[in-house]
Every structure is written in structure tokens, then in C-alpha cells.
Amino acid sequence: MDKKFTGMFEKALGFALEKHKGQHRKGSNIPYYWHPINVARNIEEFKKSKNLELLMTAALLHDTVEDCTNVTLQEIAEKFGYMTASLVDELTSDEKEIKKIGKTEYLKNKMMNLSSYGLVIKLSDRLDNVRSLQETSKEFQERYTKETNEILAHIESWKRKLTQTHKKLIEKIKSMLISQNTIVKNK
């Protein structure tokens, strides 16, 4: 760990472990808390930043408001600061909007409006999900791969400038899909 870390990351790790206790990844017996840990690892691997602790902390907490009972943005802000809470808020999905327009369209719109840091975390999240696709059903793999390809194509079509970190994460996601032979042609 970076010498400049203040302990916020370790505190968030304990919080995420506690809040995700008893949850498992879809279609597996793997404890869910490995997912936010892996998202934080992806950020550590791909992102060079003076704000690395903030990014890794938000990565650990990115699903807590959405997936855990009794976790609020206010609690995240009080325990981990308003910057962390802001990133978690950016990454928290709106289930009503997903039902209205569909998950793929929702994610395309959402990712287009994320901050640069939010997009780094979201791409790191997508990378971990792609890495664990082999643990899911063939049907889910095909659906998730198609969704991922569509989202990545949409991101790459933006006029918004992508950072080198964004580009590296996108390329890593694509290479993982290819190596897993899960490329599905968009129709």
C-alpha cells in the first residue's frame, strides 16, 4: 500500500466485509465481498493518482448503498468523507430507470455522465465482472458480453476525451472477452 494512505481504505474494507456478509456472486458460492476487493485491485493496477486511496475506498463501497440493507449515502459521507460518498452516489444504479429504459441503455447513459474517477471505477467494476464470467451460465455470459460490447462501443464513440486509464481498462476488458471466447456479435 502507498505510504500516503490514511487508513480510510482499511476502514472501508472492514465496512464492506461486514455489509456484504452472507452475500454471494450471482450463480456461485463465492462471497460477494471479493468483487469490491477485486475492483479496488483493478484500480491499483491501472490508475496512477495522488487520490488512489479515495478511488480504492469508493471501489470497496461502490455497491453498498445499492445492494446492502441500511446503508445510506449519509453514512458513507460521515464515515469516509463526502468525496467518497459522491463517487458511491455516481455509481449507484437507479432501479426504476433501469426498468423504464432497460439496463444496457441505462448504463450507456449513466457512464456517459460519470466523472472521470467514476468512469475509472465503473470500468474496473466491469472488468472484474468480465473476469468472473466463466462462473456464470452460458446464457448470462452471452447476454453480459453483448451488453459489454455495446457499452464499450458507445463509450468509444463519445466526443468526450477518454484518459489513458480509461483506454487501458477498455482494452483489458476487450482482451478478456476475446480470451474467454465470449465475443458476441451485436445484431
N, C-alpha and C. Protein backbone atom coordinates (compact mmCIF):
# COMPACT_ATOMS: atom_id res chain seq x y z
N MET A 1 0.83 -1.19 0.00
CA MET A 1 0.00 0.00 0.00
C MET A 1 0.87 1.25 0.00
N ASP A 2 0.34 2.27 -0.60
CA ASP A 2 1.00 3.57 -0.68
C ASP A 2 1.20 4.14 0.73
N LYS A 3 2.38 4.70 0.98
CA LYS A 3 2.70 5.27 2.30
C LYS A 3 1.74 6.41 2.66
N LYS A 4 1.12 7.05 1.66
CA LYS A 4 0.27 8.20 1.91
C LYS A 4 -1.14 7.80 2.32
N PHE A 5 -1.45 6.52 2.35
CA PHE A 5 -2.78 6.09 2.75
C PHE A 5 -3.00 6.43 4.22
N THR A 6 -4.20 6.84 4.55
CA THR A 6 -4.51 7.35 5.88
C THR A 6 -5.20 6.32 6.78
N GLY A 7 -5.59 5.20 6.24
CA GLY A 7 -6.35 4.21 7.00
C GLY A 7 -7.80 4.14 6.56
N MET A 8 -8.22 5.10 5.72
CA MET A 8 -9.59 5.10 5.22
C MET A 8 -9.88 3.84 4.41
N PHE A 9 -8.92 3.40 3.61
CA PHE A 9 -9.10 2.20 2.79
C PHE A 9 -9.34 0.97 3.68
N GLU A 10 -8.52 0.81 4.70
CA GLU A 10 -8.67 -0.33 5.60
C GLU A 10 -10.00 -0.28 6.34
N LYS A 11 -10.40 0.91 6.73
CA LYS A 11 -11.70 1.08 7.40
C LYS A 11 -12.83 0.69 6.44
N ALA A 12 -12.72 1.10 5.18
CA ALA A 12 -13.73 0.77 4.18
C ALA A 12 -13.75 -0.73 3.89
N LEU A 13 -12.59 -1.36 3.94
CA LEU A 13 -12.52 -2.80 3.73
C LEU A 13 -13.33 -3.52 4.81
N GLY A 14 -13.12 -3.15 6.05
CA GLY A 14 -13.88 -3.75 7.15
C GLY A 14 -15.38 -3.50 7.01
N PHE A 15 -15.73 -2.30 6.60
CA PHE A 15 -17.14 -1.93 6.41
C PHE A 15 -17.76 -2.78 5.30
N ALA A 16 -17.06 -2.89 4.17
CA ALA A 16 -17.58 -3.66 3.03
C ALA A 16 -17.71 -5.14 3.39
N LEU A 17 -16.73 -5.68 4.10
CA LEU A 17 -16.79 -7.08 4.52
C LEU A 17 -18.02 -7.32 5.39
N GLU A 18 -18.26 -6.40 6.32
CA GLU A 18 -19.40 -6.53 7.23
C GLU A 18 -20.73 -6.41 6.48
N LYS A 19 -20.84 -5.40 5.61
CA LYS A 19 -22.10 -5.13 4.94
C LYS A 19 -22.45 -6.18 3.88
N HIS A 20 -21.45 -6.76 3.23
CA HIS A 20 -21.69 -7.77 2.20
C HIS A 20 -21.70 -9.20 2.76
N LYS A 21 -21.56 -9.31 4.07
CA LYS A 21 -21.52 -10.63 4.72
C LYS A 21 -22.78 -11.43 4.36
N GLY A 22 -22.58 -12.67 3.94
CA GLY A 22 -23.69 -13.54 3.58
C GLY A 22 -24.14 -13.42 2.13
N GLN A 23 -23.64 -12.41 1.42
CA GLN A 23 -23.98 -12.25 0.00
C GLN A 23 -22.99 -13.04 -0.85
N HIS A 24 -23.46 -13.52 -2.00
CA HIS A 24 -22.62 -14.29 -2.92
C HIS A 24 -22.75 -13.75 -4.33
N ARG A 25 -21.70 -13.96 -5.13
CA ARG A 25 -21.75 -13.58 -6.54
C ARG A 25 -22.84 -14.38 -7.23
N LYS A 26 -23.48 -13.79 -8.23
CA LYS A 26 -24.54 -14.47 -8.97
C LYS A 26 -24.04 -15.80 -9.50
N GLY A 27 -24.83 -16.84 -9.26
CA GLY A 27 -24.53 -18.15 -9.81
C GLY A 27 -23.33 -18.86 -9.21
N SER A 28 -22.88 -18.42 -8.03
CA SER A 28 -21.71 -19.09 -7.44
C SER A 28 -21.80 -19.05 -5.91
N ASN A 29 -20.88 -19.74 -5.28
CA ASN A 29 -20.77 -19.69 -3.82
C ASN A 29 -19.66 -18.75 -3.37
N ILE A 30 -19.13 -17.98 -4.29
CA ILE A 30 -18.04 -17.05 -3.97
C ILE A 30 -18.62 -15.87 -3.18
N PRO A 31 -18.06 -15.60 -2.01
CA PRO A 31 -18.55 -14.45 -1.22
C PRO A 31 -18.47 -13.16 -2.04
N TYR A 32 -19.54 -12.38 -1.98
CA TYR A 32 -19.65 -11.17 -2.79
C TYR A 32 -18.54 -10.17 -2.50
N TYR A 33 -18.06 -10.12 -1.26
CA TYR A 33 -17.07 -9.10 -0.91
C TYR A 33 -15.80 -9.18 -1.74
N TRP A 34 -15.54 -10.34 -2.38
CA TRP A 34 -14.37 -10.43 -3.26
C TRP A 34 -14.52 -9.49 -4.45
N HIS A 35 -15.75 -9.23 -4.88
CA HIS A 35 -15.95 -8.34 -6.03
C HIS A 35 -15.45 -6.92 -5.75
N PRO A 36 -15.90 -6.24 -4.70
CA PRO A 36 -15.35 -4.89 -4.48
C PRO A 36 -13.85 -4.88 -4.20
N ILE A 37 -13.35 -5.94 -3.59
CA ILE A 37 -11.90 -6.04 -3.38
C ILE A 37 -11.18 -6.11 -4.73
N ASN A 38 -11.71 -6.91 -5.64
CA ASN A 38 -11.10 -7.02 -6.97
C ASN A 38 -11.22 -5.72 -7.76
N VAL A 39 -12.32 -5.01 -7.60
CA VAL A 39 -12.46 -3.71 -8.27
C VAL A 39 -11.39 -2.75 -7.76
N ALA A 40 -11.16 -2.73 -6.45
CA ALA A 40 -10.10 -1.89 -5.89
C ALA A 40 -8.72 -2.32 -6.41
N ARG A 41 -8.50 -3.62 -6.53
CA ARG A 41 -7.22 -4.10 -7.09
C ARG A 41 -7.03 -3.64 -8.53
N ASN A 42 -8.11 -3.67 -9.31
CA ASN A 42 -8.02 -3.19 -10.69
C ASN A 42 -7.61 -1.73 -10.74
N ILE A 43 -8.17 -0.94 -9.84
CA ILE A 43 -7.81 0.47 -9.80
C ILE A 43 -6.34 0.63 -9.42
N GLU A 44 -5.90 -0.13 -8.44
CA GLU A 44 -4.49 -0.06 -8.05
C GLU A 44 -3.58 -0.43 -9.21
N GLU A 45 -4.01 -1.40 -10.01
CA GLU A 45 -3.20 -1.85 -11.15
C GLU A 45 -3.18 -0.83 -12.29
N PHE A 46 -4.30 -0.19 -12.58
CA PHE A 46 -4.42 0.62 -13.78
C PHE A 46 -4.32 2.12 -13.57
N LYS A 47 -4.58 2.61 -12.36
CA LYS A 47 -4.65 4.05 -12.14
C LYS A 47 -3.49 4.56 -11.30
N LYS A 48 -2.82 5.54 -11.82
CA LYS A 48 -1.78 6.25 -11.06
C LYS A 48 -2.38 7.59 -10.66
N SER A 49 -2.49 7.82 -9.37
CA SER A 49 -3.15 9.04 -8.91
C SER A 49 -2.75 9.36 -7.49
N LYS A 50 -2.69 10.63 -7.18
CA LYS A 50 -2.47 11.05 -5.79
C LYS A 50 -3.72 10.75 -4.96
N ASN A 51 -4.84 10.48 -5.62
CA ASN A 51 -6.09 10.17 -4.95
C ASN A 51 -6.41 8.67 -4.99
N LEU A 52 -5.39 7.84 -5.04
CA LEU A 52 -5.58 6.40 -5.15
C LEU A 52 -6.38 5.85 -3.97
N GLU A 53 -6.12 6.31 -2.76
CA GLU A 53 -6.87 5.81 -1.61
C GLU A 53 -8.36 6.13 -1.74
N LEU A 54 -8.68 7.33 -2.17
CA LEU A 54 -10.07 7.72 -2.38
C LEU A 54 -10.73 6.79 -3.40
N LEU A 55 -10.07 6.57 -4.52
CA LEU A 55 -10.63 5.73 -5.58
C LEU A 55 -10.82 4.29 -5.12
N MET A 56 -9.82 3.76 -4.44
CA MET A 56 -9.90 2.38 -3.97
C MET A 56 -10.95 2.24 -2.86
N THR A 57 -11.09 3.26 -2.04
CA THR A 57 -12.12 3.24 -0.99
C THR A 57 -13.50 3.25 -1.62
N ALA A 58 -13.72 4.13 -2.59
CA ALA A 58 -15.01 4.18 -3.28
C ALA A 58 -15.29 2.86 -4.00
N ALA A 59 -14.25 2.24 -4.53
CA ALA A 59 -14.42 0.94 -5.19
C ALA A 59 -14.91 -0.12 -4.20
N LEU A 60 -14.34 -0.12 -3.00
CA LEU A 60 -14.78 -1.07 -1.98
C LEU A 60 -16.25 -0.86 -1.60
N LEU A 61 -16.69 0.38 -1.68
CA LEU A 61 -18.04 0.73 -1.20
C LEU A 61 -19.05 0.89 -2.33
N HIS A 62 -18.64 0.70 -3.58
CA HIS A 62 -19.47 1.09 -4.72
C HIS A 62 -20.84 0.41 -4.77
N ASP A 63 -21.00 -0.76 -4.21
CA ASP A 63 -22.28 -1.47 -4.24
C ASP A 63 -23.02 -1.47 -2.91
N THR A 64 -22.48 -0.84 -1.89
CA THR A 64 -23.08 -0.96 -0.56
C THR A 64 -24.46 -0.30 -0.47
N VAL A 65 -24.62 0.87 -1.05
CA VAL A 65 -25.92 1.55 -0.96
C VAL A 65 -26.95 0.79 -1.78
N GLU A 66 -26.52 0.30 -2.94
CA GLU A 66 -27.41 -0.41 -3.86
C GLU A 66 -27.78 -1.81 -3.37
N ASP A 67 -26.84 -2.53 -2.80
CA ASP A 67 -27.03 -3.96 -2.51
C ASP A 67 -27.16 -4.34 -1.05
N CYS A 68 -26.90 -3.44 -0.13
CA CYS A 68 -26.91 -3.78 1.29
C CYS A 68 -28.04 -3.04 2.00
N THR A 69 -28.66 -3.71 2.93
CA THR A 69 -29.73 -3.05 3.66
C THR A 69 -29.14 -2.06 4.67
N ASN A 70 -29.84 -0.99 4.87
CA ASN A 70 -29.50 0.01 5.87
C ASN A 70 -28.15 0.70 5.67
N VAL A 71 -27.71 0.85 4.43
CA VAL A 71 -26.52 1.66 4.16
C VAL A 71 -26.99 2.86 3.35
N THR A 72 -26.66 4.06 3.85
CA THR A 72 -27.07 5.28 3.17
C THR A 72 -25.85 6.07 2.72
N LEU A 73 -26.10 6.96 1.78
CA LEU A 73 -25.02 7.86 1.34
C LEU A 73 -24.57 8.75 2.49
N GLN A 74 -25.49 9.13 3.34
CA GLN A 74 -25.14 9.95 4.51
C GLN A 74 -24.15 9.20 5.41
N GLU A 75 -24.40 7.92 5.63
CA GLU A 75 -23.49 7.10 6.44
C GLU A 75 -22.11 7.01 5.78
N ILE A 76 -22.09 6.80 4.47
CA ILE A 76 -20.82 6.75 3.73
C ILE A 76 -20.08 8.08 3.89
N ALA A 77 -20.81 9.18 3.75
CA ALA A 77 -20.18 10.51 3.89
C ALA A 77 -19.61 10.72 5.28
N GLU A 78 -20.36 10.32 6.30
CA GLU A 78 -19.90 10.51 7.68
C GLU A 78 -18.68 9.66 8.00
N LYS A 79 -18.64 8.44 7.49
CA LYS A 79 -17.54 7.53 7.81
C LYS A 79 -16.32 7.68 6.90
N PHE A 80 -16.58 8.06 5.62
CA PHE A 80 -15.50 8.03 4.63
C PHE A 80 -15.33 9.34 3.86
N GLY A 81 -16.12 10.33 4.18
CA GLY A 81 -15.99 11.64 3.54
C GLY A 81 -16.94 11.84 2.38
N TYR A 82 -17.16 13.10 2.08
CA TYR A 82 -18.13 13.45 1.04
C TYR A 82 -17.65 13.12 -0.36
N MET A 83 -16.36 13.14 -0.61
CA MET A 83 -15.84 12.75 -1.93
C MET A 83 -16.14 11.28 -2.20
N THR A 84 -15.91 10.44 -1.20
CA THR A 84 -16.20 9.01 -1.35
C THR A 84 -17.70 8.82 -1.57
N ALA A 85 -18.51 9.48 -0.77
CA ALA A 85 -19.97 9.36 -0.90
C ALA A 85 -20.43 9.84 -2.27
N SER A 86 -19.82 10.88 -2.78
CA SER A 86 -20.19 11.39 -4.10
C SER A 86 -19.90 10.35 -5.19
N LEU A 87 -18.76 9.69 -5.09
CA LEU A 87 -18.43 8.65 -6.06
C LEU A 87 -19.38 7.45 -5.94
N VAL A 88 -19.67 7.05 -4.71
CA VAL A 88 -20.61 5.94 -4.50
C VAL A 88 -21.98 6.32 -5.06
N ASP A 89 -22.40 7.54 -4.85
CA ASP A 89 -23.67 8.01 -5.39
C ASP A 89 -23.68 7.93 -6.92
N GLU A 90 -22.61 8.38 -7.55
CA GLU A 90 -22.50 8.30 -9.01
C GLU A 90 -22.65 6.86 -9.51
N LEU A 91 -22.13 5.91 -8.75
CA LEU A 91 -22.08 4.52 -9.19
C LEU A 91 -23.31 3.70 -8.79
N THR A 92 -24.17 4.28 -7.98
CA THR A 92 -25.37 3.58 -7.53
C THR A 92 -26.44 3.65 -8.61
N SER A 93 -26.94 2.48 -9.01
CA SER A 93 -27.94 2.41 -10.07
C SER A 93 -29.32 2.80 -9.59
N ASP A 94 -30.10 3.33 -10.51
CA ASP A 94 -31.49 3.71 -10.27
C ASP A 94 -32.37 2.61 -10.87
N GLU A 95 -32.86 1.72 -10.02
CA GLU A 95 -33.62 0.55 -10.48
C GLU A 95 -34.89 0.95 -11.24
N LYS A 96 -35.52 2.04 -10.86
CA LYS A 96 -36.73 2.49 -11.57
C LYS A 96 -36.39 2.87 -13.01
N GLU A 97 -35.28 3.57 -13.17
CA GLU A 97 -34.86 3.98 -14.51
C GLU A 97 -34.44 2.77 -15.35
N ILE A 98 -33.79 1.80 -14.73
CA ILE A 98 -33.40 0.57 -15.45
C ILE A 98 -34.64 -0.14 -15.97
N LYS A 99 -35.67 -0.24 -15.13
CA LYS A 99 -36.92 -0.89 -15.55
C LYS A 99 -37.58 -0.14 -16.69
N LYS A 100 -37.45 1.19 -16.66
CA LYS A 100 -38.09 2.02 -17.67
C LYS A 100 -37.41 1.91 -19.04
N ILE A 101 -36.07 1.98 -19.08
CA ILE A 101 -35.38 2.04 -20.38
C ILE A 101 -34.51 0.82 -20.68
N GLY A 102 -34.36 -0.09 -19.74
CA GLY A 102 -33.52 -1.27 -19.95
C GLY A 102 -32.12 -1.03 -19.42
N LYS A 103 -31.48 -2.10 -18.98
CA LYS A 103 -30.18 -1.98 -18.32
C LYS A 103 -29.08 -1.46 -19.24
N THR A 104 -29.02 -1.97 -20.47
CA THR A 104 -27.95 -1.54 -21.38
C THR A 104 -28.06 -0.06 -21.69
N GLU A 105 -29.25 0.42 -22.03
CA GLU A 105 -29.43 1.85 -22.32
C GLU A 105 -29.14 2.69 -21.09
N TYR A 106 -29.59 2.20 -19.94
CA TYR A 106 -29.34 2.91 -18.69
C TYR A 106 -27.83 3.06 -18.47
N LEU A 107 -27.10 1.97 -18.61
CA LEU A 107 -25.64 2.01 -18.37
C LEU A 107 -24.93 2.89 -19.39
N LYS A 108 -25.36 2.85 -20.64
CA LYS A 108 -24.75 3.71 -21.66
C LYS A 108 -24.94 5.18 -21.28
N ASN A 109 -26.15 5.55 -20.88
CA ASN A 109 -26.43 6.94 -20.47
C ASN A 109 -25.67 7.30 -19.21
N LYS A 110 -25.70 6.41 -18.23
CA LYS A 110 -25.05 6.67 -16.94
C LYS A 110 -23.54 6.87 -17.11
N MET A 111 -22.92 5.96 -17.84
CA MET A 111 -21.47 6.01 -17.98
C MET A 111 -21.02 7.26 -18.74
N MET A 112 -21.87 7.73 -19.65
CA MET A 112 -21.54 8.93 -20.41
C MET A 112 -21.46 10.15 -19.49
N ASN A 113 -22.19 10.12 -18.38
CA ASN A 113 -22.26 11.27 -17.49
C ASN A 113 -21.43 11.11 -16.21
N LEU A 114 -20.70 10.03 -16.07
CA LEU A 114 -19.86 9.85 -14.89
C LEU A 114 -18.66 10.79 -14.93
N SER A 115 -18.19 11.14 -13.76
CA SER A 115 -16.92 11.88 -13.67
C SER A 115 -15.81 10.95 -14.17
N SER A 116 -14.65 11.50 -14.40
CA SER A 116 -13.52 10.69 -14.85
C SER A 116 -13.20 9.59 -13.83
N TYR A 117 -13.20 9.95 -12.53
CA TYR A 117 -12.96 8.95 -11.49
C TYR A 117 -14.09 7.92 -11.44
N GLY A 118 -15.33 8.38 -11.58
CA GLY A 118 -16.46 7.46 -11.59
C GLY A 118 -16.35 6.45 -12.73
N LEU A 119 -15.91 6.93 -13.89
CA LEU A 119 -15.75 6.03 -15.04
C LEU A 119 -14.62 5.03 -14.81
N VAL A 120 -13.55 5.44 -14.17
CA VAL A 120 -12.47 4.51 -13.84
C VAL A 120 -13.01 3.38 -12.95
N ILE A 121 -13.78 3.74 -11.94
CA ILE A 121 -14.32 2.73 -11.03
C ILE A 121 -15.31 1.83 -11.77
N LYS A 122 -16.18 2.43 -12.58
CA LYS A 122 -17.19 1.64 -13.31
C LYS A 122 -16.53 0.69 -14.30
N LEU A 123 -15.50 1.12 -15.00
CA LEU A 123 -14.78 0.23 -15.91
C LEU A 123 -14.04 -0.86 -15.15
N SER A 124 -13.49 -0.52 -13.99
CA SER A 124 -12.83 -1.52 -13.14
C SER A 124 -13.84 -2.56 -12.65
N ASP A 125 -15.04 -2.10 -12.35
CA ASP A 125 -16.15 -2.97 -11.96
C ASP A 125 -16.51 -3.91 -13.11
N ARG A 126 -16.64 -3.36 -14.29
CA ARG A 126 -17.00 -4.16 -15.48
C ARG A 126 -15.90 -5.19 -15.75
N LEU A 127 -14.64 -4.78 -15.59
CA LEU A 127 -13.52 -5.70 -15.80
C LEU A 127 -13.60 -6.89 -14.85
N ASP A 128 -13.88 -6.64 -13.59
CA ASP A 128 -13.99 -7.75 -12.65
C ASP A 128 -15.17 -8.65 -13.01
N ASN A 129 -16.27 -8.06 -13.43
CA ASN A 129 -17.41 -8.88 -13.84
C ASN A 129 -17.07 -9.75 -15.04
N VAL A 130 -16.34 -9.20 -15.99
CA VAL A 130 -15.93 -9.98 -17.17
C VAL A 130 -14.97 -11.10 -16.75
N ARG A 131 -14.05 -10.79 -15.84
CA ARG A 131 -13.11 -11.82 -15.37
C ARG A 131 -13.83 -12.99 -14.70
N SER A 132 -14.99 -12.75 -14.12
CA SER A 132 -15.69 -13.83 -13.42
C SER A 132 -16.83 -14.43 -14.24
N LEU A 133 -16.91 -14.10 -15.52
CA LEU A 133 -18.00 -14.62 -16.35
C LEU A 133 -18.03 -16.15 -16.43
N GLN A 134 -16.88 -16.79 -16.42
CA GLN A 134 -16.84 -18.25 -16.54
C GLN A 134 -17.55 -18.95 -15.39
N GLU A 135 -17.82 -18.22 -14.32
CA GLU A 135 -18.53 -18.80 -13.16
C GLU A 135 -20.05 -18.74 -13.34
N THR A 136 -20.52 -18.17 -14.46
CA THR A 136 -21.94 -17.97 -14.68
C THR A 136 -22.45 -18.88 -15.80
N SER A 137 -23.75 -18.90 -15.99
CA SER A 137 -24.35 -19.73 -17.04
C SER A 137 -23.97 -19.20 -18.42
N LYS A 138 -24.04 -20.06 -19.40
CA LYS A 138 -23.73 -19.69 -20.79
C LYS A 138 -24.66 -18.56 -21.24
N GLU A 139 -25.93 -18.67 -20.87
CA GLU A 139 -26.91 -17.65 -21.24
C GLU A 139 -26.52 -16.28 -20.67
N PHE A 140 -26.14 -16.26 -19.39
CA PHE A 140 -25.73 -15.00 -18.77
C PHE A 140 -24.46 -14.46 -19.43
N GLN A 141 -23.50 -15.36 -19.72
CA GLN A 141 -22.26 -14.95 -20.37
C GLN A 141 -22.55 -14.25 -21.70
N GLU A 142 -23.42 -14.83 -22.48
CA GLU A 142 -23.74 -14.25 -23.79
C GLU A 142 -24.43 -12.90 -23.63
N ARG A 143 -25.39 -12.81 -22.73
CA ARG A 143 -26.11 -11.55 -22.50
C ARG A 143 -25.16 -10.46 -21.98
N TYR A 144 -24.32 -10.83 -21.01
CA TYR A 144 -23.41 -9.85 -20.41
C TYR A 144 -22.35 -9.40 -21.42
N THR A 145 -21.88 -10.33 -22.22
CA THR A 145 -20.88 -10.00 -23.24
C THR A 145 -21.46 -9.04 -24.28
N LYS A 146 -22.67 -9.34 -24.72
CA LYS A 146 -23.32 -8.45 -25.70
C LYS A 146 -23.50 -7.06 -25.10
N GLU A 147 -23.99 -7.00 -23.86
CA GLU A 147 -24.18 -5.72 -23.17
C GLU A 147 -22.85 -4.98 -23.06
N THR A 148 -21.80 -5.69 -22.67
CA THR A 148 -20.48 -5.06 -22.51
C THR A 148 -19.96 -4.53 -23.83
N ASN A 149 -20.07 -5.31 -24.89
CA ASN A 149 -19.61 -4.85 -26.21
C ASN A 149 -20.36 -3.60 -26.65
N GLU A 150 -21.67 -3.58 -26.41
CA GLU A 150 -22.47 -2.42 -26.79
C GLU A 150 -22.08 -1.19 -25.98
N ILE A 151 -21.86 -1.37 -24.69
CA ILE A 151 -21.45 -0.26 -23.82
C ILE A 151 -20.08 0.27 -24.23
N LEU A 152 -19.13 -0.63 -24.48
CA LEU A 152 -17.78 -0.19 -24.86
C LEU A 152 -17.80 0.54 -26.20
N ALA A 153 -18.58 0.04 -27.16
CA ALA A 153 -18.70 0.72 -28.45
C ALA A 153 -19.28 2.12 -28.25
N HIS A 154 -20.25 2.23 -27.37
CA HIS A 154 -20.85 3.53 -27.09
C HIS A 154 -19.83 4.47 -26.45
N ILE A 155 -19.09 3.99 -25.50
CA ILE A 155 -18.08 4.82 -24.83
C ILE A 155 -17.04 5.31 -25.85
N GLU A 156 -16.61 4.42 -26.71
CA GLU A 156 -15.57 4.80 -27.68
C GLU A 156 -16.09 5.76 -28.75
N SER A 157 -17.41 5.88 -28.88
CA SER A 157 -17.98 6.80 -29.86
C SER A 157 -18.17 8.21 -29.30
N TRP A 158 -17.93 8.39 -28.02
CA TRP A 158 -18.14 9.69 -27.39
C TRP A 158 -17.21 10.75 -27.94
N LYS A 159 -17.68 11.96 -27.83
CA LYS A 159 -16.81 13.10 -28.15
C LYS A 159 -15.95 13.45 -26.94
N ARG A 160 -16.40 13.00 -25.76
CA ARG A 160 -15.65 13.23 -24.53
C ARG A 160 -14.29 12.55 -24.63
N LYS A 161 -13.27 13.23 -24.19
CA LYS A 161 -11.92 12.67 -24.22
C LYS A 161 -11.77 11.63 -23.11
N LEU A 162 -11.29 10.45 -23.49
CA LEU A 162 -11.02 9.40 -22.52
C LEU A 162 -9.57 9.51 -22.07
N THR A 163 -9.33 9.23 -20.80
CA THR A 163 -7.96 9.25 -20.29
C THR A 163 -7.24 7.96 -20.69
N GLN A 164 -5.94 7.95 -20.50
CA GLN A 164 -5.17 6.74 -20.77
C GLN A 164 -5.66 5.58 -19.89
N THR A 165 -6.03 5.88 -18.65
CA THR A 165 -6.55 4.84 -17.76
C THR A 165 -7.84 4.26 -18.31
N HIS A 166 -8.76 5.12 -18.76
CA HIS A 166 -10.00 4.63 -19.36
C HIS A 166 -9.69 3.71 -20.53
N LYS A 167 -8.79 4.16 -21.41
CA LYS A 167 -8.45 3.38 -22.61
C LYS A 167 -7.82 2.04 -22.25
N LYS A 168 -6.93 2.04 -21.26
CA LYS A 168 -6.30 0.78 -20.83
C LYS A 168 -7.33 -0.20 -20.28
N LEU A 169 -8.26 0.31 -19.47
CA LEU A 169 -9.30 -0.55 -18.90
C LEU A 169 -10.20 -1.11 -20.00
N ILE A 170 -10.57 -0.27 -20.96
CA ILE A 170 -11.40 -0.73 -22.08
C ILE A 170 -10.67 -1.83 -22.86
N GLU A 171 -9.41 -1.61 -23.15
CA GLU A 171 -8.63 -2.62 -23.89
C GLU A 171 -8.51 -3.92 -23.10
N LYS A 172 -8.33 -3.82 -21.79
CA LYS A 172 -8.23 -5.02 -20.95
C LYS A 172 -9.55 -5.78 -20.95
N ILE A 173 -10.66 -5.06 -20.87
CA ILE A 173 -11.98 -5.71 -20.90
C ILE A 173 -12.15 -6.44 -22.23
N LYS A 174 -11.81 -5.77 -23.33
CA LYS A 174 -11.94 -6.40 -24.66
C LYS A 174 -11.06 -7.64 -24.77
N SER A 175 -9.83 -7.53 -24.29
CA SER A 175 -8.93 -8.69 -24.39
C SER A 175 -9.41 -9.85 -23.53
N MET A 176 -10.03 -9.55 -22.39
CA MET A 176 -10.59 -10.62 -21.54
C MET A 176 -11.75 -11.30 -22.26
N LEU A 177 -12.59 -10.53 -22.91
CA LEU A 177 -13.71 -11.12 -23.66
C LEU A 177 -13.20 -12.02 -24.78
N ILE A 178 -12.17 -11.56 -25.47
CA ILE A 178 -11.60 -12.36 -26.57
C ILE A 178 -10.95 -13.63 -26.01
N SER A 179 -10.19 -13.50 -24.93
CA SER A 179 -9.50 -14.68 -24.38
C SER A 179 -10.48 -15.71 -23.83
N GLN A 180 -11.66 -15.26 -23.44
CA GLN A 180 -12.66 -16.19 -22.93
C GLN A 180 -13.57 -16.72 -24.05
N ASN A 181 -13.27 -16.30 -25.29
CA ASN A 181 -14.09 -16.69 -26.43
C ASN A 181 -15.56 -16.37 -26.20
N THR A 182 -15.80 -15.20 -25.66
CA THR A 182 -17.18 -14.82 -25.37
C THR A 182 -17.64 -13.63 -26.21
N ILE A 183 -16.90 -13.33 -27.29
CA ILE A 183 -17.33 -12.23 -28.13
C ILE A 183 -18.63 -12.62 -28.82
N VAL A 184 -19.62 -11.77 -28.67
CA VAL A 184 -20.91 -11.98 -29.32
C VAL A 184 -21.12 -10.80 -30.26
N LYS A 185 -21.43 -11.07 -31.48
CA LYS A 185 -21.67 -10.01 -32.46
C LYS A 185 -22.95 -9.26 -32.10
N ASN A 186 -22.85 -7.94 -32.10
CA ASN A 186 -24.06 -7.14 -31.88
C ASN A 186 -24.90 -7.23 -33.14
N LYS A 187 -26.18 -7.39 -32.99
CA LYS A 187 -27.08 -7.53 -34.14
C LYS A 187 -27.72 -6.19 -34.44
